N, C-alpha and C. Protein backbone atom coordinates (compact mmCIF):
# COMPACT_ATOMS: atom_id res chain seq x y z
N MET A 1 33.80 5.86 3.68
CA MET A 1 32.91 4.80 4.14
C MET A 1 32.43 4.00 2.93
N ALA A 2 32.34 2.69 3.09
CA ALA A 2 31.91 1.81 2.01
C ALA A 2 30.47 2.14 1.60
N GLN A 3 30.21 2.06 0.31
CA GLN A 3 28.89 2.42 -0.23
C GLN A 3 27.77 1.56 0.36
N ASP A 4 28.03 0.26 0.61
CA ASP A 4 26.98 -0.62 1.12
C ASP A 4 26.68 -0.40 2.60
N LYS A 5 27.41 0.46 3.27
CA LYS A 5 27.20 0.73 4.69
C LYS A 5 26.38 2.01 4.93
N ILE A 6 26.05 2.73 3.86
CA ILE A 6 25.30 3.97 4.01
C ILE A 6 23.82 3.65 4.07
N MET A 7 23.17 4.12 5.14
CA MET A 7 21.73 3.94 5.26
C MET A 7 21.05 5.21 4.79
N GLU A 8 20.13 5.07 3.83
CA GLU A 8 19.42 6.24 3.32
C GLU A 8 18.30 6.68 4.25
N VAL A 9 17.72 5.72 5.01
CA VAL A 9 16.63 6.02 5.92
C VAL A 9 16.96 5.41 7.27
N ARG A 10 16.86 6.20 8.33
CA ARG A 10 17.22 5.79 9.68
C ARG A 10 16.40 4.60 10.19
N ALA A 11 17.03 3.73 10.96
CA ALA A 11 16.37 2.57 11.54
C ALA A 11 15.38 3.02 12.62
N ILE A 12 14.35 2.19 12.87
CA ILE A 12 13.41 2.48 13.95
C ILE A 12 13.54 1.41 15.02
N GLU A 13 13.22 1.76 16.26
CA GLU A 13 13.34 0.82 17.37
C GLU A 13 12.18 -0.19 17.37
N ASN A 14 10.95 0.32 17.24
CA ASN A 14 9.76 -0.52 17.25
C ASN A 14 8.75 0.06 16.27
N GLY A 15 8.06 -0.82 15.56
CA GLY A 15 7.03 -0.34 14.65
C GLY A 15 6.95 -1.17 13.39
N THR A 16 6.47 -0.53 12.33
CA THR A 16 6.22 -1.20 11.06
C THR A 16 7.01 -0.51 9.95
N VAL A 17 7.61 -1.31 9.08
CA VAL A 17 8.29 -0.78 7.89
C VAL A 17 7.62 -1.42 6.67
N VAL A 18 7.14 -0.58 5.77
CA VAL A 18 6.60 -1.05 4.50
C VAL A 18 7.66 -0.77 3.45
N ASP A 19 8.21 -1.82 2.86
CA ASP A 19 9.32 -1.70 1.93
C ASP A 19 8.92 -2.25 0.56
N HIS A 20 9.73 -1.96 -0.44
CA HIS A 20 9.53 -2.41 -1.82
C HIS A 20 8.21 -1.88 -2.39
N ILE A 21 7.96 -0.62 -2.11
CA ILE A 21 6.79 0.08 -2.66
C ILE A 21 7.23 0.72 -3.97
N PRO A 22 6.47 0.52 -5.06
CA PRO A 22 6.81 1.28 -6.27
C PRO A 22 6.77 2.78 -5.95
N ALA A 23 7.78 3.50 -6.40
CA ALA A 23 7.91 4.92 -6.03
C ALA A 23 6.65 5.72 -6.34
N ASP A 24 5.97 5.40 -7.43
CA ASP A 24 4.78 6.16 -7.79
C ASP A 24 3.54 5.79 -6.98
N CYS A 25 3.65 4.81 -6.08
CA CYS A 25 2.52 4.39 -5.24
C CYS A 25 2.62 4.86 -3.80
N LEU A 26 3.70 5.55 -3.45
CA LEU A 26 3.93 5.95 -2.07
C LEU A 26 2.75 6.70 -1.47
N PHE A 27 2.25 7.71 -2.14
CA PHE A 27 1.21 8.54 -1.55
C PHE A 27 -0.14 7.83 -1.50
N LYS A 28 -0.36 6.86 -2.38
CA LYS A 28 -1.58 6.04 -2.27
C LYS A 28 -1.54 5.21 -1.00
N ILE A 29 -0.37 4.67 -0.68
CA ILE A 29 -0.25 3.85 0.53
C ILE A 29 -0.36 4.72 1.77
N ILE A 30 0.20 5.91 1.73
CA ILE A 30 0.04 6.84 2.86
C ILE A 30 -1.44 7.09 3.10
N LYS A 31 -2.21 7.24 2.03
CA LYS A 31 -3.66 7.46 2.15
C LYS A 31 -4.37 6.21 2.65
N ILE A 32 -4.02 5.04 2.10
CA ILE A 32 -4.63 3.78 2.54
C ILE A 32 -4.44 3.57 4.04
N LEU A 33 -3.23 3.83 4.53
CA LEU A 33 -2.92 3.63 5.95
C LEU A 33 -3.35 4.82 6.82
N GLN A 34 -3.91 5.85 6.18
CA GLN A 34 -4.37 7.06 6.85
C GLN A 34 -3.26 7.67 7.72
N LEU A 35 -2.05 7.71 7.15
CA LEU A 35 -0.91 8.23 7.89
C LEU A 35 -0.96 9.73 8.07
N ASP A 36 -1.83 10.43 7.31
CA ASP A 36 -2.00 11.86 7.50
C ASP A 36 -2.65 12.17 8.85
N LYS A 37 -3.27 11.16 9.48
CA LYS A 37 -3.90 11.33 10.79
C LYS A 37 -3.06 10.72 11.91
N GLU A 38 -1.94 10.14 11.54
CA GLU A 38 -1.09 9.42 12.49
C GLU A 38 -0.35 10.39 13.42
N THR A 39 -0.25 10.02 14.70
CA THR A 39 0.46 10.85 15.67
C THR A 39 1.87 10.33 15.96
N HIS A 40 2.16 9.10 15.56
CA HIS A 40 3.51 8.56 15.75
C HIS A 40 4.44 9.12 14.68
N ARG A 41 5.74 9.08 14.97
CA ARG A 41 6.72 9.56 13.99
C ARG A 41 6.70 8.65 12.76
N ILE A 42 6.66 9.27 11.59
CA ILE A 42 6.65 8.55 10.33
C ILE A 42 7.80 9.06 9.49
N THR A 43 8.53 8.14 8.89
CA THR A 43 9.59 8.50 7.96
C THR A 43 9.26 7.83 6.64
N PHE A 44 9.32 8.58 5.57
CA PHE A 44 9.15 7.95 4.27
C PHE A 44 10.14 8.52 3.30
N GLY A 45 10.49 7.70 2.34
CA GLY A 45 11.42 8.12 1.31
C GLY A 45 10.95 7.56 -0.01
N THR A 46 11.25 8.26 -1.06
CA THR A 46 10.86 7.80 -2.38
C THR A 46 12.03 7.97 -3.34
N ASN A 47 11.97 7.27 -4.44
CA ASN A 47 13.04 7.25 -5.43
C ASN A 47 14.37 6.80 -4.84
N LEU A 48 14.29 5.85 -3.90
CA LEU A 48 15.48 5.25 -3.31
C LEU A 48 15.97 4.14 -4.24
N GLU A 49 17.27 3.89 -4.23
CA GLU A 49 17.83 2.84 -5.09
C GLU A 49 17.35 1.47 -4.63
N SER A 50 17.05 0.63 -5.61
CA SER A 50 16.65 -0.74 -5.33
C SER A 50 17.21 -1.63 -6.43
N LYS A 51 17.94 -2.67 -6.03
CA LYS A 51 18.48 -3.61 -7.02
C LYS A 51 17.34 -4.35 -7.72
N ARG A 52 16.29 -4.66 -6.97
CA ARG A 52 15.18 -5.44 -7.49
C ARG A 52 14.22 -4.62 -8.36
N MET A 53 14.02 -3.34 -7.98
CA MET A 53 12.97 -2.54 -8.64
C MET A 53 13.50 -1.34 -9.41
N GLY A 54 14.77 -1.05 -9.30
CA GLY A 54 15.31 0.18 -9.90
C GLY A 54 15.21 1.31 -8.89
N THR A 55 13.98 1.81 -8.68
CA THR A 55 13.74 2.76 -7.59
C THR A 55 12.54 2.26 -6.79
N LYS A 56 12.49 2.67 -5.55
CA LYS A 56 11.41 2.23 -4.66
C LYS A 56 11.11 3.32 -3.65
N ALA A 57 10.05 3.08 -2.89
CA ALA A 57 9.71 3.94 -1.76
C ALA A 57 9.66 3.06 -0.52
N ILE A 58 9.73 3.71 0.64
CA ILE A 58 9.70 3.00 1.92
C ILE A 58 8.96 3.89 2.93
N ILE A 59 8.24 3.25 3.84
CA ILE A 59 7.55 3.96 4.92
C ILE A 59 7.92 3.29 6.23
N LYS A 60 8.31 4.09 7.22
CA LYS A 60 8.62 3.58 8.55
C LYS A 60 7.71 4.29 9.55
N ILE A 61 6.97 3.50 10.33
CA ILE A 61 6.02 4.04 11.30
C ILE A 61 6.47 3.61 12.69
N ASN A 62 6.91 4.56 13.48
CA ASN A 62 7.37 4.25 14.83
C ASN A 62 6.20 3.89 15.74
N ASP A 63 6.42 2.86 16.56
CA ASP A 63 5.50 2.49 17.63
C ASP A 63 4.08 2.19 17.17
N ARG A 64 3.93 1.74 15.95
CA ARG A 64 2.62 1.30 15.45
C ARG A 64 2.81 0.04 14.62
N TYR A 65 1.94 -0.92 14.87
CA TYR A 65 1.97 -2.17 14.13
C TYR A 65 0.72 -2.24 13.27
N CYS A 66 0.91 -2.39 11.97
CA CYS A 66 -0.22 -2.44 11.04
C CYS A 66 -0.98 -3.75 11.21
N GLN A 67 -2.29 -3.67 11.07
CA GLN A 67 -3.15 -4.84 11.12
C GLN A 67 -3.14 -5.55 9.76
N GLN A 68 -3.44 -6.84 9.75
CA GLN A 68 -3.42 -7.61 8.50
C GLN A 68 -4.37 -7.01 7.46
N GLU A 69 -5.53 -6.51 7.86
CA GLU A 69 -6.47 -5.90 6.91
C GLU A 69 -5.84 -4.70 6.21
N GLU A 70 -5.11 -3.86 6.97
CA GLU A 70 -4.41 -2.72 6.37
C GLU A 70 -3.34 -3.20 5.39
N ILE A 71 -2.61 -4.22 5.79
CA ILE A 71 -1.54 -4.76 4.97
C ILE A 71 -2.10 -5.29 3.65
N ASN A 72 -3.25 -5.95 3.71
CA ASN A 72 -3.86 -6.48 2.50
C ASN A 72 -4.37 -5.37 1.59
N ARG A 73 -4.77 -4.24 2.15
CA ARG A 73 -5.17 -3.10 1.33
C ARG A 73 -3.99 -2.57 0.52
N ILE A 74 -2.82 -2.62 1.10
CA ILE A 74 -1.61 -2.18 0.41
C ILE A 74 -1.42 -2.98 -0.88
N ALA A 75 -1.81 -4.25 -0.85
CA ALA A 75 -1.63 -5.15 -2.00
C ALA A 75 -2.35 -4.67 -3.24
N ILE A 76 -3.39 -3.88 -3.08
CA ILE A 76 -4.15 -3.41 -4.24
C ILE A 76 -3.29 -2.49 -5.12
N VAL A 77 -2.41 -1.71 -4.52
CA VAL A 77 -1.56 -0.80 -5.31
C VAL A 77 -0.09 -1.24 -5.34
N ALA A 78 0.31 -2.09 -4.41
CA ALA A 78 1.72 -2.53 -4.35
C ALA A 78 1.80 -4.00 -3.96
N PRO A 79 1.41 -4.91 -4.87
CA PRO A 79 1.38 -6.33 -4.51
C PRO A 79 2.75 -6.94 -4.18
N MET A 80 3.84 -6.24 -4.54
CA MET A 80 5.17 -6.77 -4.24
C MET A 80 5.76 -6.19 -2.94
N ALA A 81 4.98 -5.37 -2.25
CA ALA A 81 5.47 -4.76 -1.01
C ALA A 81 5.70 -5.82 0.06
N VAL A 82 6.61 -5.51 0.97
CA VAL A 82 6.91 -6.38 2.11
C VAL A 82 6.75 -5.53 3.36
N VAL A 83 6.08 -6.09 4.36
CA VAL A 83 5.86 -5.38 5.61
C VAL A 83 6.70 -6.06 6.69
N ASN A 84 7.58 -5.28 7.31
CA ASN A 84 8.45 -5.79 8.36
C ASN A 84 7.99 -5.25 9.71
N ILE A 85 7.86 -6.16 10.68
CA ILE A 85 7.54 -5.77 12.06
C ILE A 85 8.88 -5.67 12.79
N ILE A 86 9.13 -4.51 13.40
CA ILE A 86 10.41 -4.23 14.06
C ILE A 86 10.21 -4.17 15.57
N LYS A 87 11.07 -4.88 16.29
CA LYS A 87 11.09 -4.81 17.76
C LYS A 87 12.55 -4.75 18.18
N ASP A 88 12.87 -3.75 19.00
CA ASP A 88 14.25 -3.55 19.46
C ASP A 88 15.24 -3.50 18.29
N TYR A 89 14.89 -2.73 17.27
CA TYR A 89 15.71 -2.50 16.08
C TYR A 89 15.92 -3.75 15.21
N LYS A 90 15.21 -4.84 15.49
CA LYS A 90 15.38 -6.06 14.70
C LYS A 90 14.05 -6.42 14.03
N VAL A 91 14.16 -7.00 12.82
CA VAL A 91 12.98 -7.50 12.12
C VAL A 91 12.55 -8.78 12.82
N THR A 92 11.35 -8.76 13.41
CA THR A 92 10.85 -9.97 14.10
C THR A 92 9.86 -10.74 13.23
N GLU A 93 9.29 -10.06 12.23
CA GLU A 93 8.35 -10.70 11.32
C GLU A 93 8.44 -10.04 9.96
N LYS A 94 8.38 -10.84 8.91
CA LYS A 94 8.28 -10.32 7.54
C LYS A 94 6.94 -10.80 7.01
N LEU A 95 6.08 -9.85 6.68
CA LEU A 95 4.74 -10.20 6.21
C LEU A 95 4.61 -9.86 4.74
N LYS A 96 4.17 -10.81 3.94
CA LYS A 96 3.87 -10.54 2.54
C LYS A 96 2.46 -9.98 2.48
N VAL A 97 2.28 -9.02 1.61
CA VAL A 97 0.92 -8.54 1.41
C VAL A 97 0.16 -9.60 0.61
N VAL A 98 -1.11 -9.77 0.93
CA VAL A 98 -1.95 -10.76 0.26
C VAL A 98 -3.04 -10.01 -0.48
N VAL A 99 -3.11 -10.24 -1.77
CA VAL A 99 -4.13 -9.57 -2.57
C VAL A 99 -5.48 -10.22 -2.23
N PRO A 100 -6.42 -9.43 -1.69
CA PRO A 100 -7.72 -10.01 -1.33
C PRO A 100 -8.56 -10.30 -2.58
N ASP A 101 -9.57 -11.14 -2.43
CA ASP A 101 -10.47 -11.46 -3.54
C ASP A 101 -11.50 -10.36 -3.76
N GLN A 102 -11.83 -9.63 -2.69
CA GLN A 102 -12.80 -8.54 -2.76
C GLN A 102 -12.34 -7.41 -1.86
N ILE A 103 -12.72 -6.19 -2.22
CA ILE A 103 -12.43 -5.05 -1.36
C ILE A 103 -13.68 -4.19 -1.26
N GLU A 104 -13.78 -3.49 -0.17
CA GLU A 104 -14.95 -2.62 0.05
C GLU A 104 -14.52 -1.32 0.70
N GLY A 105 -15.09 -0.23 0.19
CA GLY A 105 -15.08 1.02 0.89
C GLY A 105 -13.88 1.95 0.80
N PHE A 106 -12.80 1.58 0.15
CA PHE A 106 -11.67 2.50 0.17
C PHE A 106 -11.14 2.88 -1.20
N VAL A 107 -11.77 2.35 -2.28
CA VAL A 107 -11.38 2.71 -3.65
C VAL A 107 -12.62 3.25 -4.37
N ARG A 108 -12.42 4.31 -5.14
CA ARG A 108 -13.51 4.91 -5.92
C ARG A 108 -13.70 4.14 -7.23
N CYS A 109 -14.95 3.98 -7.64
CA CYS A 109 -15.25 3.38 -8.94
C CYS A 109 -14.88 4.39 -10.02
N ALA A 110 -14.26 3.90 -11.10
CA ALA A 110 -13.81 4.78 -12.19
C ALA A 110 -14.97 5.26 -13.06
N ASN A 111 -16.15 4.67 -12.90
CA ASN A 111 -17.31 5.06 -13.69
C ASN A 111 -18.03 6.23 -13.00
N PRO A 112 -18.00 7.43 -13.58
CA PRO A 112 -18.64 8.58 -12.93
C PRO A 112 -20.15 8.41 -12.77
N LYS A 113 -20.76 7.51 -13.55
CA LYS A 113 -22.21 7.28 -13.46
C LYS A 113 -22.57 6.17 -12.47
N CYS A 114 -21.58 5.52 -11.90
CA CYS A 114 -21.83 4.43 -10.94
C CYS A 114 -22.62 4.97 -9.74
N ILE A 115 -23.52 4.17 -9.25
CA ILE A 115 -24.35 4.58 -8.11
C ILE A 115 -23.49 4.95 -6.90
N THR A 116 -22.33 4.31 -6.75
CA THR A 116 -21.48 4.60 -5.59
C THR A 116 -20.87 6.00 -5.65
N ASN A 117 -20.83 6.59 -6.86
CA ASN A 117 -20.32 7.95 -7.00
C ASN A 117 -21.43 8.99 -6.92
N ASN A 118 -22.69 8.53 -6.84
CA ASN A 118 -23.81 9.47 -6.85
C ASN A 118 -24.77 9.30 -5.69
N GLU A 119 -24.60 8.25 -4.92
CA GLU A 119 -25.43 8.00 -3.74
C GLU A 119 -24.50 7.71 -2.56
N PRO A 120 -24.96 7.96 -1.36
CA PRO A 120 -24.11 7.68 -0.19
C PRO A 120 -24.06 6.18 0.13
N MET A 121 -23.25 5.47 -0.62
CA MET A 121 -23.08 4.05 -0.37
C MET A 121 -21.62 3.64 -0.57
N GLN A 122 -21.26 2.55 0.08
CA GLN A 122 -19.88 2.05 0.06
C GLN A 122 -19.59 1.33 -1.25
N THR A 123 -18.40 1.54 -1.78
CA THR A 123 -17.98 0.84 -2.99
C THR A 123 -17.65 -0.62 -2.66
N ALA A 124 -17.72 -1.47 -3.67
CA ALA A 124 -17.38 -2.88 -3.51
C ALA A 124 -16.86 -3.39 -4.85
N PHE A 125 -15.77 -4.14 -4.81
CA PHE A 125 -15.14 -4.63 -6.02
C PHE A 125 -14.72 -6.07 -5.87
N LYS A 126 -14.76 -6.80 -6.99
CA LYS A 126 -14.12 -8.09 -7.09
C LYS A 126 -12.72 -7.81 -7.63
N VAL A 127 -11.70 -8.39 -7.05
CA VAL A 127 -10.33 -8.19 -7.49
C VAL A 127 -10.01 -9.22 -8.56
N ILE A 128 -9.53 -8.73 -9.70
CA ILE A 128 -9.15 -9.59 -10.82
C ILE A 128 -7.62 -9.59 -10.89
N LYS A 129 -7.03 -10.77 -10.76
CA LYS A 129 -5.58 -10.89 -10.75
C LYS A 129 -5.12 -11.41 -12.11
N GLY A 130 -4.27 -10.62 -12.77
CA GLY A 130 -3.73 -11.03 -14.06
C GLY A 130 -2.51 -11.91 -13.90
N ASN A 131 -2.16 -12.64 -14.96
CA ASN A 131 -0.98 -13.51 -14.95
C ASN A 131 0.32 -12.74 -14.80
N ASP A 132 0.31 -11.47 -15.21
CA ASP A 132 1.51 -10.64 -15.15
C ASP A 132 1.68 -9.91 -13.82
N GLY A 133 0.83 -10.24 -12.83
CA GLY A 133 0.91 -9.58 -11.53
C GLY A 133 0.07 -8.33 -11.44
N GLU A 134 -0.47 -7.89 -12.57
CA GLU A 134 -1.35 -6.71 -12.57
C GLU A 134 -2.67 -7.05 -11.89
N ILE A 135 -3.27 -6.01 -11.32
CA ILE A 135 -4.54 -6.16 -10.63
C ILE A 135 -5.54 -5.20 -11.25
N ALA A 136 -6.78 -5.65 -11.37
CA ALA A 136 -7.87 -4.78 -11.81
C ALA A 136 -9.04 -5.02 -10.85
N LEU A 137 -9.93 -4.05 -10.78
CA LEU A 137 -11.08 -4.14 -9.89
C LEU A 137 -12.36 -4.08 -10.71
N LYS A 138 -13.28 -5.00 -10.44
CA LYS A 138 -14.58 -5.00 -11.13
C LYS A 138 -15.64 -4.57 -10.14
N CYS A 139 -16.32 -3.46 -10.44
CA CYS A 139 -17.33 -2.91 -9.55
C CYS A 139 -18.51 -3.88 -9.41
N ARG A 140 -18.94 -4.10 -8.19
CA ARG A 140 -20.07 -4.98 -7.92
C ARG A 140 -21.37 -4.41 -8.48
N TYR A 141 -21.45 -3.09 -8.59
CA TYR A 141 -22.70 -2.44 -8.98
C TYR A 141 -22.80 -2.17 -10.48
N CYS A 142 -21.80 -1.56 -11.08
CA CYS A 142 -21.89 -1.19 -12.50
C CYS A 142 -21.03 -2.08 -13.40
N GLU A 143 -20.20 -2.94 -12.79
CA GLU A 143 -19.32 -3.88 -13.49
C GLU A 143 -18.19 -3.23 -14.28
N LYS A 144 -17.96 -1.94 -14.07
CA LYS A 144 -16.83 -1.24 -14.70
C LYS A 144 -15.53 -1.81 -14.17
N ILE A 145 -14.58 -2.01 -15.06
CA ILE A 145 -13.24 -2.47 -14.68
C ILE A 145 -12.36 -1.25 -14.43
N THR A 146 -11.76 -1.21 -13.26
CA THR A 146 -10.80 -0.16 -12.92
C THR A 146 -9.42 -0.81 -12.91
N HIS A 147 -8.55 -0.37 -13.79
CA HIS A 147 -7.20 -0.93 -13.87
C HIS A 147 -6.31 -0.34 -12.78
N GLN A 148 -5.24 -1.04 -12.48
CA GLN A 148 -4.36 -0.68 -11.36
C GLN A 148 -3.88 0.76 -11.43
N ASP A 149 -3.54 1.24 -12.61
CA ASP A 149 -3.03 2.62 -12.73
C ASP A 149 -4.14 3.66 -12.61
N GLN A 150 -5.41 3.24 -12.59
CA GLN A 150 -6.54 4.16 -12.45
C GLN A 150 -7.08 4.20 -11.02
N ILE A 151 -6.56 3.36 -10.14
CA ILE A 151 -7.12 3.26 -8.78
C ILE A 151 -6.96 4.57 -8.04
N GLU A 152 -8.08 5.05 -7.50
CA GLU A 152 -8.11 6.27 -6.70
C GLU A 152 -8.58 5.88 -5.30
N ILE A 153 -7.77 6.18 -4.31
CA ILE A 153 -8.07 5.83 -2.92
C ILE A 153 -9.01 6.87 -2.33
N LEU A 154 -10.09 6.40 -1.68
CA LEU A 154 -11.06 7.29 -1.06
C LEU A 154 -10.62 7.78 0.30
N LYS A 155 -10.13 6.86 1.12
CA LYS A 155 -9.75 7.24 2.47
C LYS A 155 -8.57 6.44 2.95
């Protein structure tokens, strides 16, 4: 069989496919989308070949369509990800993730002394977008900068 005809991950009939995820960000996205609580069938793969990225990860969620807010959360750790909406085994929509200007409640502040790490309150960050595509988060409360590789997902 020709090499380009081999599918590494099975197609889904209906649902959401998150593709072009950096391999090292797969489990952060699983946490962001709260897929550990999901009851629909989920398929994910990591360290898959990618001409564009070298290696990548992919997530396929049967019979669930991600909301735009969830998709934008993905952008914090994988700004190059693409979200495909699948209906009857066909891509009906390709959604680019959009890096939001601010985020609240799902990322931990990297400053252990920040009030959000010591009091029961929601985190809030201004998103700083670098020219190189890198993202950093500036805490609204303590002003600590959390770089993309330091981002820890809360829920």
